[in-house]
Protein backbone atom coordinates (compact mmCIF):
# COMPACT_ATOMS: atom_id res chain seq x y z
CA MET A 1 -28.59 -12.90 -1.42
CA SER A 2 -28.15 -9.34 -2.70
CA THR A 3 -26.75 -8.28 0.68
CA PHE A 4 -24.15 -11.05 0.60
CA VAL A 5 -23.16 -10.12 -2.98
CA LEU A 6 -22.82 -6.47 -1.98
CA LEU A 7 -20.70 -7.35 1.06
CA THR A 8 -18.49 -9.64 -1.03
CA ILE A 9 -17.80 -7.14 -3.81
CA THR A 10 -17.28 -4.21 -1.44
CA GLY A 11 -15.08 -6.50 0.68
CA LEU A 12 -13.00 -7.28 -2.41
CA GLY A 13 -12.82 -3.53 -3.07
CA LEU A 14 -11.53 -3.00 0.47
CA ALA A 15 -9.08 -5.86 -0.09
CA ALA A 16 -7.88 -4.20 -3.29
CA LEU A 17 -7.27 -0.96 -1.39
CA TYR A 18 -5.35 -2.83 1.33
CA PHE A 19 -3.28 -4.56 -1.35
CA LEU A 20 -2.40 -1.25 -3.01
CA VAL A 21 -1.41 0.16 0.38
CA ALA A 22 0.60 -2.92 1.35
CA SER A 23 2.19 -3.74 -2.01
CA GLY A 24 4.77 -0.97 -1.85
CA LEU A 25 5.45 -1.75 1.80
CA SER A 26 5.86 -5.43 0.92
CA LEU A 27 8.51 -4.58 -1.66
CA ILE A 28 10.53 -2.46 0.77
CA PHE A 29 9.90 -4.31 4.04
CA GLY A 30 9.88 -7.81 2.60
CA LEU A 31 12.58 -7.63 -0.07
CA MET A 32 14.97 -5.14 1.53
CA ASP A 33 14.32 -5.68 5.26
CA VAL A 34 13.73 -1.96 5.81
CA LEU A 35 11.10 -0.87 8.34
CA ASN A 36 9.70 2.02 6.35
CA PHE A 37 7.10 3.80 8.47
CA ALA A 38 7.49 6.76 6.11
CA HIS A 39 5.28 4.75 3.75
CA GLY A 40 2.33 6.33 5.58
CA ALA A 41 3.66 9.78 4.71
CA PHE A 42 3.60 8.92 1.00
CA LEU A 43 0.01 7.67 1.37
CA THR A 44 -0.94 11.11 2.68
CA LEU A 45 1.20 13.05 0.18
CA GLY A 46 -0.20 10.99 -2.70
CA GLY A 47 -3.76 11.81 -1.71
CA TYR A 48 -3.08 15.53 -1.36
CA ALA A 49 -1.00 15.71 -4.55
CA ALA A 50 -3.91 14.14 -6.43
CA TRP A 51 -6.32 16.58 -4.80
CA VAL A 52 -4.20 19.61 -5.80
CA VAL A 53 -3.99 18.48 -9.44
CA VAL A 54 -7.68 17.52 -9.65
CA ASP A 55 -8.67 20.84 -8.09
CA ALA A 56 -6.59 22.71 -10.67
CA THR A 57 -7.33 20.66 -13.79
CA GLY A 58 -10.44 18.62 -13.07
CA SER A 59 -8.70 15.44 -14.29
CA PHE A 60 -8.64 12.58 -11.79
CA THR A 61 -6.42 10.47 -14.06
CA LEU A 62 -3.84 13.25 -14.32
CA GLY A 63 -4.00 13.72 -10.56
CA VAL A 64 -3.20 10.04 -9.95
CA LEU A 65 -0.29 10.04 -12.43
CA VAL A 66 1.24 13.25 -11.05
CA SER A 67 0.93 12.05 -7.45
CA MET A 68 2.65 8.75 -8.34
CA ALA A 69 5.54 10.53 -10.10
CA PHE A 70 5.88 13.05 -7.25
CA CYS A 71 6.00 10.41 -4.50
CA ALA A 72 8.31 8.14 -6.52
CA LEU A 73 10.80 11.00 -6.78
CA LEU A 74 10.53 11.82 -3.07
CA ALA A 75 10.97 8.17 -2.09
CA ALA A 76 14.08 7.82 -4.25
CA ILE A 77 15.57 10.98 -2.72
CA MET A 78 14.81 9.70 0.78
CA GLU A 79 16.54 6.38 0.07
CA ILE A 80 19.63 8.03 -1.42
CA THR A 81 20.09 10.76 1.19
CA LEU A 82 18.82 9.19 4.42
CA LEU A 83 18.15 5.45 4.42
CA ARG A 84 21.05 4.09 2.36
CA ARG A 85 23.48 4.27 5.27
CA LEU A 86 21.04 2.59 7.68
CA TYR A 87 20.57 -0.79 5.97
CA GLY A 88 20.69 -3.56 8.56
CA SER A 89 20.06 -1.15 11.48
CA HIS A 90 16.41 -1.54 12.37
CA VAL A 91 16.22 0.82 15.36
CA PRO A 92 17.65 3.83 13.47
CA GLN A 93 15.36 2.95 10.53
CA VAL A 94 12.30 3.04 12.78
CA LEU A 95 13.31 6.30 14.45
CA LEU A 96 14.07 8.01 11.14
CA THR A 97 11.00 6.85 9.21
CA VAL A 98 8.60 7.48 12.12
CA GLY A 99 10.10 10.98 12.37
CA ILE A 100 9.50 11.52 8.64
CA LEU A 101 5.89 10.32 9.02
CA LEU A 102 5.22 12.69 11.92
CA ALA A 103 6.95 15.61 10.20
CA VAL A 104 5.08 15.15 6.91
CA THR A 105 1.73 14.82 8.71
CA ALA A 106 2.43 18.04 10.60
CA LEU A 107 3.47 19.85 7.41
CA VAL A 108 0.30 18.73 5.62
CA ARG A 109 -1.83 19.96 8.53
CA SER A 110 0.03 23.27 8.47
CA ALA A 111 -0.35 23.71 4.71
CA PHE A 112 -3.91 22.43 4.18
CA GLY A 113 -5.46 22.47 7.65
CA SER A 114 -6.82 19.60 9.72
CA ASP A 115 -10.16 19.41 7.94
CA ALA A 116 -10.67 16.86 5.19
CA ARG A 117 -10.68 18.13 1.60
CA THR A 118 -13.20 16.88 -0.96
CA LEU A 119 -11.62 14.99 -3.85
CA THR A 120 -13.68 15.33 -7.02
CA THR A 121 -13.90 12.14 -9.09
CA PRO A 122 -15.57 11.38 -12.44
CA HIS A 123 -19.34 11.14 -12.16
CA TRP A 124 -19.45 7.51 -13.34
CA MET A 125 -17.22 6.43 -10.44
CA ASN A 126 -19.91 7.48 -7.97
CA GLN A 127 -22.70 5.70 -9.82
CA VAL A 128 -23.72 2.10 -9.07
CA THR A 129 -23.99 -1.05 -11.16
CA GLU A 130 -26.50 -3.73 -10.17
CA VAL A 131 -25.01 -7.22 -9.69
CA LEU A 132 -27.53 -9.96 -8.80
CA GLY A 133 -29.77 -7.32 -7.28
CA ALA A 134 -26.99 -5.63 -5.32
CA PRO A 135 -26.18 -1.96 -6.15
CA VAL A 136 -22.37 -1.85 -6.19
CA PRO A 137 -20.49 1.49 -6.52
CA ASN A 138 -18.45 1.63 -9.72
CA ASN A 139 -15.36 2.83 -7.86
CA ARG A 140 -15.12 -0.61 -6.24
CA PHE A 141 -14.86 -2.29 -9.65
CA LEU A 142 -12.20 0.23 -10.71
CA ILE A 143 -10.00 -0.27 -7.66
CA ILE A 144 -10.27 -4.07 -8.00
CA ALA A 145 -9.14 -3.80 -11.62
CA VAL A 146 -6.26 -1.48 -10.68
CA ALA A 147 -5.11 -3.86 -7.91
CA ILE A 148 -5.15 -6.81 -10.32
CA GLY A 149 -3.11 -4.79 -12.81
CA VAL A 150 -0.56 -3.82 -10.14
CA TYR A 151 -0.24 -7.43 -9.00
CA ALA A 152 0.30 -8.70 -12.55
CA GLY A 153 2.73 -5.91 -13.44
CA MET A 154 4.89 -6.14 -10.32
CA SER A 155 4.97 -9.94 -10.42
CA ALA A 156 6.18 -9.81 -14.03
CA PHE A 157 8.74 -7.13 -13.16
CA LEU A 158 10.26 -9.14 -10.30
CA ALA A 159 10.28 -12.44 -12.19
CA ARG A 160 11.08 -11.50 -15.79
CA THR A 161 13.13 -8.30 -15.90
CA ARG A 162 16.84 -7.76 -15.29
CA TYR A 163 16.25 -5.23 -12.52
CA GLY A 164 13.77 -7.57 -10.85
CA LEU A 165 16.28 -10.41 -10.84
CA VAL A 166 19.01 -8.11 -9.54
CA ILE A 167 16.75 -6.94 -6.70
CA ARG A 168 15.88 -10.50 -5.69
CA ALA A 169 19.51 -11.62 -5.91
CA GLY A 170 20.71 -8.56 -3.99
CA VAL A 171 18.34 -9.31 -1.16
CA GLU A 172 19.61 -12.91 -0.95
CA ASN A 173 23.33 -12.11 -1.21
CA ARG A 174 24.23 -8.46 -1.71
CA ALA A 175 28.00 -9.05 -1.48
CA MET A 176 27.97 -11.64 -4.26
CA VAL A 177 25.94 -9.44 -6.61
CA THR A 178 28.24 -6.48 -5.94
CA ALA A 179 31.29 -8.70 -6.61
CA LEU A 180 29.83 -9.43 -10.07
CA GLY A 181 30.06 -5.72 -10.88
CA ILE A 182 26.34 -4.95 -10.52
CA ASP A 183 25.36 -1.73 -8.76
CA VAL A 184 22.81 -3.01 -6.25
CA ARG A 185 22.28 0.47 -4.81
CA ARG A 186 20.64 1.66 -8.03
CA SER A 187 18.23 -1.28 -7.94
CA PHE A 188 17.37 -0.61 -4.30
CA THR A 189 16.65 3.05 -5.13
CA LEU A 190 14.29 1.80 -7.84
CA VAL A 191 12.49 -0.34 -5.25
CA PHE A 192 11.91 2.72 -3.06
CA ALA A 193 10.66 4.69 -6.07
CA PHE A 194 8.18 1.90 -6.86
CA GLY A 195 7.12 1.83 -3.22
CA GLY A 196 6.50 5.58 -3.19
CA ALA A 197 4.52 5.42 -6.43
CA LEU A 198 2.33 2.57 -5.15
CA ALA A 199 1.73 4.44 -1.88
CA ALA A 200 0.64 7.50 -3.86
CA LEU A 201 -1.70 5.35 -5.96
CA ALA A 202 -3.25 3.93 -2.80
CA GLY A 203 -3.55 7.41 -1.26
CA ALA A 204 -5.32 8.78 -4.33
CA PHE A 205 -7.77 5.89 -4.49
CA THR A 206 -8.43 6.13 -0.76
CA GLY A 207 -9.52 9.69 -1.43
CA ALA A 208 -11.59 8.55 -4.41
CA ILE A 209 -13.49 5.92 -2.38
CA ASN A 210 -14.02 8.17 0.65
CA ASN A 211 -14.48 11.29 -1.54
CA VAL A 212 -12.10 13.16 0.79
CA VAL A 213 -8.41 13.28 1.68
CA SER A 214 -7.25 13.96 5.23
CA PRO A 215 -3.89 14.42 7.01
CA GLY A 216 -4.37 11.26 9.09
CA GLN A 217 -5.25 8.83 6.31
CA GLY A 218 -1.68 7.57 5.92
CA THR A 219 -1.28 6.69 9.59
CA SER A 220 -4.55 4.73 9.80
CA LEU A 221 -3.91 2.81 6.57
CA LEU A 222 -0.31 2.03 7.54
CA ILE A 223 -1.48 -0.18 10.42
CA PHE A 224 -3.48 -2.43 8.10
CA ALA A 225 -0.65 -2.42 5.56
CA PHE A 226 1.76 -3.92 8.11
CA ILE A 227 -0.88 -6.45 9.18
CA VAL A 228 -1.41 -7.57 5.57
CA VAL A 229 2.34 -7.85 4.90
CA ILE A 230 2.95 -9.90 8.07
CA ILE A 231 -0.01 -12.23 7.51
CA GLY A 232 0.94 -12.79 3.85
CA GLY A 233 4.63 -13.35 4.54
CA LEU A 234 7.59 -11.04 4.14
CA GLY A 235 8.77 -10.74 0.56
CA SER A 236 5.81 -12.67 -0.87
CA PHE A 237 3.76 -10.62 -3.32
CA ARG A 238 1.25 -13.47 -3.66
CA GLY A 239 1.01 -13.70 0.11
CA CYS A 240 0.33 -9.97 0.30
CA ALA A 241 -2.55 -10.32 -2.18
CA LEU A 242 -4.00 -13.35 -0.35
CA ALA A 243 -3.79 -11.65 3.04
CA ALA A 244 -5.46 -8.50 1.66
CA VAL A 245 -8.40 -10.56 0.39
CA LEU A 246 -8.75 -12.36 3.73
CA VAL A 247 -8.59 -9.15 5.75
CA GLY A 248 -10.95 -7.21 3.49
CA LEU A 249 -13.65 -9.91 3.34
CA LEU A 250 -13.43 -10.79 7.04
CA GLN A 251 -13.80 -7.13 7.99
CA GLN A 252 -16.86 -6.63 5.81
CA TYR A 253 -18.63 -9.80 6.95
CA ALA A 254 -17.80 -9.31 10.63
CA ASN A 255 -18.83 -5.65 10.69
CA PHE A 256 -22.22 -6.46 9.11
CA TYR A 257 -23.10 -9.79 10.72
CA GLY A 258 -21.33 -9.20 14.04
CA LEU A 259 -21.03 -6.38 16.55
CA VAL A 260 -19.80 -2.88 15.75
CA GLY A 261 -16.01 -2.98 15.48
CA ALA A 262 -15.94 -6.77 15.21
CA GLY A 263 -14.08 -6.52 11.89
CA ASP A 264 -10.97 -5.02 13.46
CA LEU A 265 -11.07 -7.61 16.26
CA ILE A 266 -11.27 -10.47 13.74
CA VAL A 267 -8.28 -9.09 11.85
CA VAL A 268 -6.20 -8.82 15.04
CA LEU A 269 -7.15 -12.39 16.00
CA LEU A 270 -6.18 -13.58 12.51
CA LEU A 271 -2.82 -11.84 12.86
CA ALA A 272 -2.24 -13.43 16.27
CA GLY A 273 -3.18 -16.87 14.98
CA VAL A 274 -0.83 -16.62 12.00
CA LEU A 275 2.05 -15.46 14.20
CA LEU A 276 1.49 -18.35 16.61
CA ILE A 277 0.99 -21.12 14.03
CA ARG A 278 3.06 -19.92 11.06
CA PRO A 279 5.33 -16.99 12.08
CA GLN A 280 6.76 -16.60 8.55
CA GLY A 281 3.29 -15.79 7.20
CA LEU A 282 0.91 -17.69 4.94
CA LEU A 283 3.22 -17.80 1.92
CA GLY A 284 6.48 -16.63 3.49
CA ARG A 285 9.59 -18.75 3.66
CA ALA A 286 10.79 -20.15 6.98
CA THR A 287 14.22 -18.98 8.07
CA ALA A 288 16.74 -20.98 10.01
């Protein structure tokens, strides 16, 4: 029983991490139809920005906040200077954002080396709390709480604020919103800033859970982020959360009860099944 409880809670912690990684991508990819492979670069930059601040100040909280602000600014600059003229052109988007990902990864390796760097976290995060006989690391509870907060905050932003309504309307009919005198470009820049901040948050917490940050962490996490977004449904924040939970729990159960590497195979089979049966995703809307 304790083993199952441990697998479930750590699986939910993994799901929370996947949701944080995929949430920013879901905003950009789902709402704006932009294939932003540079999201992986912000995952890496967020982790290293947090590491630099924590190494200098000893404050993990300050490191997370600075990394989010730093990556939000970079993402907004990228949207304004590079991506704004490529809306609707998927091939140039892919080439540009993949190039940014490769360039940033190379720059990080050049600046910090290829070896992983230890990210110091508060002592209590590395301690365990016993739940029904299962010793669960406290950092799993923290990341689950952060993911729930992000889900609630972003859902409220999209549904209840003026900018959220403008973003949703601009995605549906950009010409109409522009004709009403609303500057959609400013709202789209805000979406990219949010996406960069959420990627940095995910990068910092990836380092906190693994206790290290590495140049390749963004690339590996990006694969699962796209899988979660596609399974959940493009543009569906609820679908993104549901898919993250499914992927995280299935991976944990399959890796423990099945063969080594069975978790990744199960996730790929789940993705294939969703694409065959419901191509729009679990909670995505069908298009004509």
